[in-house]
Amino acid sequence: MHVCPLQFDIVDRLINRFSNPGELVFDPFGGLFTVPVRALHAGRRSRAVELNTGYFLDGVKYLQAEERKHGMPTLFDLADDEAVPA
């Protein structure tokens, strides 16, 4: 539990307004890595810095979990890869 969590809607608006897909988003005050997680959802690359070791380690765990979810194929992905007989 972070003392001052960022709201996803605010972060999403800023990422979409001030960056393009594929660009790098940098958060100098990483906290629990809300910005890198939301940047991943928006198709951006991201980096963050956090001085508090506990927040940093928790943030890395959250980001790794999101990366696993983001990279996992869905049934629709598998259906698109297979040729559909005519």
N, C-alpha and C. Protein backbone atom coordinates (compact mmCIF):
# COMPACT_ATOMS: atom_id res chain seq x y z
N MET A 1 0.84 -1.19 0.00
CA MET A 1 0.00 0.00 0.00
C MET A 1 0.89 1.25 0.00
N HIS A 2 0.81 1.99 -1.07
CA HIS A 2 1.58 3.22 -1.19
C HIS A 2 0.82 4.34 -0.48
N VAL A 3 1.55 5.26 0.11
CA VAL A 3 0.95 6.36 0.86
C VAL A 3 0.13 7.28 -0.06
N CYS A 4 0.60 7.47 -1.28
CA CYS A 4 -0.05 8.41 -2.20
C CYS A 4 -0.15 7.78 -3.60
N PRO A 5 -1.10 6.86 -3.81
CA PRO A 5 -1.19 6.19 -5.11
C PRO A 5 -1.67 7.13 -6.21
N LEU A 6 -1.14 6.94 -7.41
CA LEU A 6 -1.59 7.72 -8.56
C LEU A 6 -2.87 7.13 -9.12
N GLN A 7 -3.74 7.98 -9.60
CA GLN A 7 -4.98 7.52 -10.22
C GLN A 7 -4.70 7.13 -11.67
N PHE A 8 -5.16 5.95 -12.08
CA PHE A 8 -4.89 5.45 -13.43
C PHE A 8 -5.38 6.40 -14.51
N ASP A 9 -6.56 7.00 -14.35
CA ASP A 9 -7.10 7.84 -15.41
C ASP A 9 -6.23 9.07 -15.67
N ILE A 10 -5.66 9.63 -14.63
CA ILE A 10 -4.77 10.79 -14.80
C ILE A 10 -3.50 10.37 -15.51
N VAL A 11 -2.92 9.26 -15.08
CA VAL A 11 -1.69 8.76 -15.69
C VAL A 11 -1.94 8.42 -17.16
N ASP A 12 -3.03 7.75 -17.45
CA ASP A 12 -3.35 7.37 -18.83
C ASP A 12 -3.49 8.60 -19.73
N ARG A 13 -4.17 9.64 -19.24
CA ARG A 13 -4.35 10.86 -20.02
C ARG A 13 -3.01 11.52 -20.33
N LEU A 14 -2.14 11.59 -19.33
CA LEU A 14 -0.83 12.22 -19.54
C LEU A 14 0.04 11.43 -20.50
N ILE A 15 0.05 10.11 -20.36
CA ILE A 15 0.84 9.27 -21.26
C ILE A 15 0.35 9.43 -22.69
N ASN A 16 -0.96 9.38 -22.89
CA ASN A 16 -1.50 9.48 -24.25
C ASN A 16 -1.33 10.88 -24.85
N ARG A 17 -1.36 11.90 -24.03
CA ARG A 17 -1.25 13.27 -24.53
C ARG A 17 0.19 13.65 -24.87
N PHE A 18 1.15 13.18 -24.07
CA PHE A 18 2.52 13.65 -24.22
C PHE A 18 3.51 12.63 -24.78
N SER A 19 3.01 11.50 -25.28
CA SER A 19 3.91 10.52 -25.91
C SER A 19 3.16 9.77 -27.00
N ASN A 20 3.92 9.14 -27.85
CA ASN A 20 3.37 8.34 -28.94
C ASN A 20 3.70 6.87 -28.69
N PRO A 21 2.90 5.95 -29.26
CA PRO A 21 3.21 4.53 -29.11
C PRO A 21 4.66 4.23 -29.51
N GLY A 22 5.31 3.42 -28.68
CA GLY A 22 6.69 3.04 -28.93
C GLY A 22 7.72 3.95 -28.29
N GLU A 23 7.30 5.16 -27.88
CA GLU A 23 8.24 6.09 -27.25
C GLU A 23 8.51 5.70 -25.80
N LEU A 24 9.55 6.31 -25.25
CA LEU A 24 9.96 6.05 -23.88
C LEU A 24 9.29 7.03 -22.92
N VAL A 25 8.68 6.52 -21.86
CA VAL A 25 8.08 7.33 -20.81
C VAL A 25 8.95 7.13 -19.56
N PHE A 26 9.42 8.24 -18.97
CA PHE A 26 10.30 8.17 -17.79
C PHE A 26 9.60 8.78 -16.59
N ASP A 27 9.63 8.04 -15.46
CA ASP A 27 9.06 8.54 -14.21
C ASP A 27 10.18 8.63 -13.18
N PRO A 28 10.63 9.84 -12.82
CA PRO A 28 11.73 9.97 -11.87
C PRO A 28 11.34 9.67 -10.43
N PHE A 29 10.04 9.51 -10.16
CA PHE A 29 9.55 9.20 -8.82
C PHE A 29 8.68 7.95 -8.91
N GLY A 30 9.29 6.80 -9.18
CA GLY A 30 8.60 5.57 -9.55
C GLY A 30 7.55 5.07 -8.60
N GLY A 31 7.75 5.21 -7.30
CA GLY A 31 6.78 4.67 -6.35
C GLY A 31 6.57 3.19 -6.59
N LEU A 32 5.34 2.79 -6.83
CA LEU A 32 5.02 1.38 -7.11
C LEU A 32 4.96 1.10 -8.61
N PHE A 33 5.54 2.01 -9.39
CA PHE A 33 5.67 1.87 -10.85
C PHE A 33 4.33 1.92 -11.57
N THR A 34 3.45 2.77 -11.09
CA THR A 34 2.16 2.96 -11.77
C THR A 34 2.38 3.47 -13.19
N VAL A 35 3.27 4.43 -13.37
CA VAL A 35 3.49 5.00 -14.70
C VAL A 35 4.04 3.95 -15.67
N PRO A 36 5.08 3.18 -15.30
CA PRO A 36 5.53 2.14 -16.24
C PRO A 36 4.46 1.10 -16.57
N VAL A 37 3.65 0.72 -15.59
CA VAL A 37 2.58 -0.25 -15.84
C VAL A 37 1.57 0.31 -16.83
N ARG A 38 1.14 1.55 -16.62
CA ARG A 38 0.16 2.16 -17.51
C ARG A 38 0.77 2.45 -18.89
N ALA A 39 2.06 2.77 -18.94
CA ALA A 39 2.74 2.97 -20.22
C ALA A 39 2.75 1.67 -21.02
N LEU A 40 2.96 0.56 -20.35
CA LEU A 40 2.93 -0.75 -21.00
C LEU A 40 1.56 -0.98 -21.64
N HIS A 41 0.51 -0.65 -20.92
CA HIS A 41 -0.86 -0.80 -21.45
C HIS A 41 -1.09 0.10 -22.67
N ALA A 42 -0.40 1.24 -22.72
CA ALA A 42 -0.59 2.20 -23.81
C ALA A 42 0.38 1.96 -24.97
N GLY A 43 1.17 0.90 -24.90
CA GLY A 43 2.08 0.59 -26.00
C GLY A 43 3.36 1.41 -26.00
N ARG A 44 3.75 1.89 -24.83
CA ARG A 44 4.99 2.66 -24.71
C ARG A 44 6.03 1.84 -23.96
N ARG A 45 7.28 2.22 -24.15
CA ARG A 45 8.36 1.68 -23.32
C ARG A 45 8.46 2.60 -22.11
N SER A 46 9.04 2.11 -21.00
CA SER A 46 9.10 2.98 -19.83
C SER A 46 10.28 2.65 -18.94
N ARG A 47 10.66 3.64 -18.17
CA ARG A 47 11.70 3.51 -17.15
C ARG A 47 11.22 4.30 -15.94
N ALA A 48 11.68 3.89 -14.76
CA ALA A 48 11.35 4.61 -13.53
C ALA A 48 12.50 4.47 -12.54
N VAL A 49 12.57 5.43 -11.64
CA VAL A 49 13.58 5.43 -10.58
C VAL A 49 12.84 5.56 -9.25
N GLU A 50 13.25 4.79 -8.25
CA GLU A 50 12.66 4.89 -6.92
C GLU A 50 13.74 4.66 -5.88
N LEU A 51 13.86 5.57 -4.92
CA LEU A 51 14.88 5.46 -3.88
C LEU A 51 14.49 4.52 -2.75
N ASN A 52 13.21 4.41 -2.45
CA ASN A 52 12.74 3.54 -1.37
C ASN A 52 12.81 2.09 -1.84
N THR A 53 13.64 1.30 -1.19
CA THR A 53 13.86 -0.08 -1.62
C THR A 53 12.59 -0.91 -1.60
N GLY A 54 11.77 -0.73 -0.57
CA GLY A 54 10.52 -1.49 -0.47
C GLY A 54 9.58 -1.18 -1.61
N TYR A 55 9.39 0.12 -1.91
CA TYR A 55 8.53 0.51 -3.02
C TYR A 55 9.10 -0.02 -4.34
N PHE A 56 10.42 0.09 -4.50
CA PHE A 56 11.06 -0.37 -5.73
C PHE A 56 10.80 -1.86 -5.95
N LEU A 57 11.04 -2.67 -4.93
CA LEU A 57 10.85 -4.12 -5.08
C LEU A 57 9.39 -4.48 -5.34
N ASP A 58 8.47 -3.80 -4.66
CA ASP A 58 7.04 -4.04 -4.92
C ASP A 58 6.68 -3.61 -6.34
N GLY A 59 7.21 -2.47 -6.76
CA GLY A 59 6.94 -1.97 -8.10
C GLY A 59 7.44 -2.92 -9.18
N VAL A 60 8.62 -3.49 -8.97
CA VAL A 60 9.16 -4.46 -9.93
C VAL A 60 8.25 -5.67 -10.02
N LYS A 61 7.74 -6.13 -8.90
CA LYS A 61 6.82 -7.29 -8.91
C LYS A 61 5.54 -6.97 -9.68
N TYR A 62 4.97 -5.78 -9.45
CA TYR A 62 3.75 -5.38 -10.17
C TYR A 62 4.01 -5.29 -11.67
N LEU A 63 5.15 -4.72 -12.03
CA LEU A 63 5.48 -4.56 -13.44
C LEU A 63 5.72 -5.92 -14.11
N GLN A 64 6.41 -6.83 -13.41
CA GLN A 64 6.63 -8.16 -13.97
C GLN A 64 5.32 -8.90 -14.17
N ALA A 65 4.40 -8.77 -13.23
CA ALA A 65 3.09 -9.42 -13.36
C ALA A 65 2.33 -8.86 -14.56
N GLU A 66 2.38 -7.54 -14.75
CA GLU A 66 1.71 -6.92 -15.90
C GLU A 66 2.36 -7.34 -17.21
N GLU A 67 3.68 -7.45 -17.23
CA GLU A 67 4.38 -7.88 -18.45
C GLU A 67 3.98 -9.31 -18.82
N ARG A 68 3.84 -10.16 -17.82
CA ARG A 68 3.40 -11.55 -18.10
C ARG A 68 1.99 -11.56 -18.67
N LYS A 69 1.09 -10.77 -18.09
CA LYS A 69 -0.28 -10.71 -18.60
C LYS A 69 -0.31 -10.12 -20.01
N HIS A 70 0.49 -9.09 -20.23
CA HIS A 70 0.52 -8.39 -21.51
C HIS A 70 1.07 -9.29 -22.62
N GLY A 71 2.03 -10.13 -22.29
CA GLY A 71 2.66 -10.98 -23.29
C GLY A 71 1.98 -12.32 -23.50
N MET A 72 0.98 -12.63 -22.68
CA MET A 72 0.31 -13.92 -22.77
C MET A 72 -0.70 -13.91 -23.91
N PRO A 73 -0.61 -14.90 -24.82
CA PRO A 73 -1.57 -14.93 -25.93
C PRO A 73 -2.98 -15.30 -25.44
N THR A 74 -3.97 -14.83 -26.16
CA THR A 74 -5.35 -15.17 -25.85
C THR A 74 -5.84 -16.20 -26.86
N LEU A 75 -7.02 -16.73 -26.67
CA LEU A 75 -7.60 -17.67 -27.63
C LEU A 75 -7.79 -17.00 -28.99
N PHE A 76 -8.10 -15.70 -28.99
CA PHE A 76 -8.29 -14.99 -30.24
C PHE A 76 -6.98 -14.87 -31.01
N ASP A 77 -5.87 -14.71 -30.29
CA ASP A 77 -4.57 -14.66 -30.95
C ASP A 77 -4.28 -15.99 -31.63
N LEU A 78 -4.59 -17.08 -30.95
CA LEU A 78 -4.34 -18.40 -31.51
C LEU A 78 -5.23 -18.66 -32.73
N ALA A 79 -6.46 -18.19 -32.69
CA ALA A 79 -7.38 -18.39 -33.80
C ALA A 79 -6.93 -17.62 -35.03
N ASP A 80 -6.32 -16.44 -34.84
CA ASP A 80 -5.85 -15.64 -35.96
C ASP A 80 -4.66 -16.30 -36.66
N ASP A 81 -3.87 -17.07 -35.92
CA ASP A 81 -2.68 -17.71 -36.48
C ASP A 81 -3.01 -18.93 -37.31
N GLU A 82 -4.13 -19.56 -37.03
CA GLU A 82 -4.49 -20.79 -37.74
C GLU A 82 -5.27 -20.45 -39.01
N ALA A 83 -5.00 -21.21 -40.05
CA ALA A 83 -5.71 -21.00 -41.31
C ALA A 83 -7.12 -21.56 -41.17
N VAL A 84 -8.09 -20.79 -41.58
CA VAL A 84 -9.48 -21.23 -41.52
C VAL A 84 -9.83 -21.83 -42.87
N PRO A 85 -10.27 -23.12 -42.90
CA PRO A 85 -10.58 -23.73 -44.19
C PRO A 85 -11.75 -23.01 -44.87
N ALA A 86 -11.65 -22.90 -46.20
CA ALA A 86 -12.67 -22.19 -46.96
C ALA A 86 -13.84 -23.09 -47.29
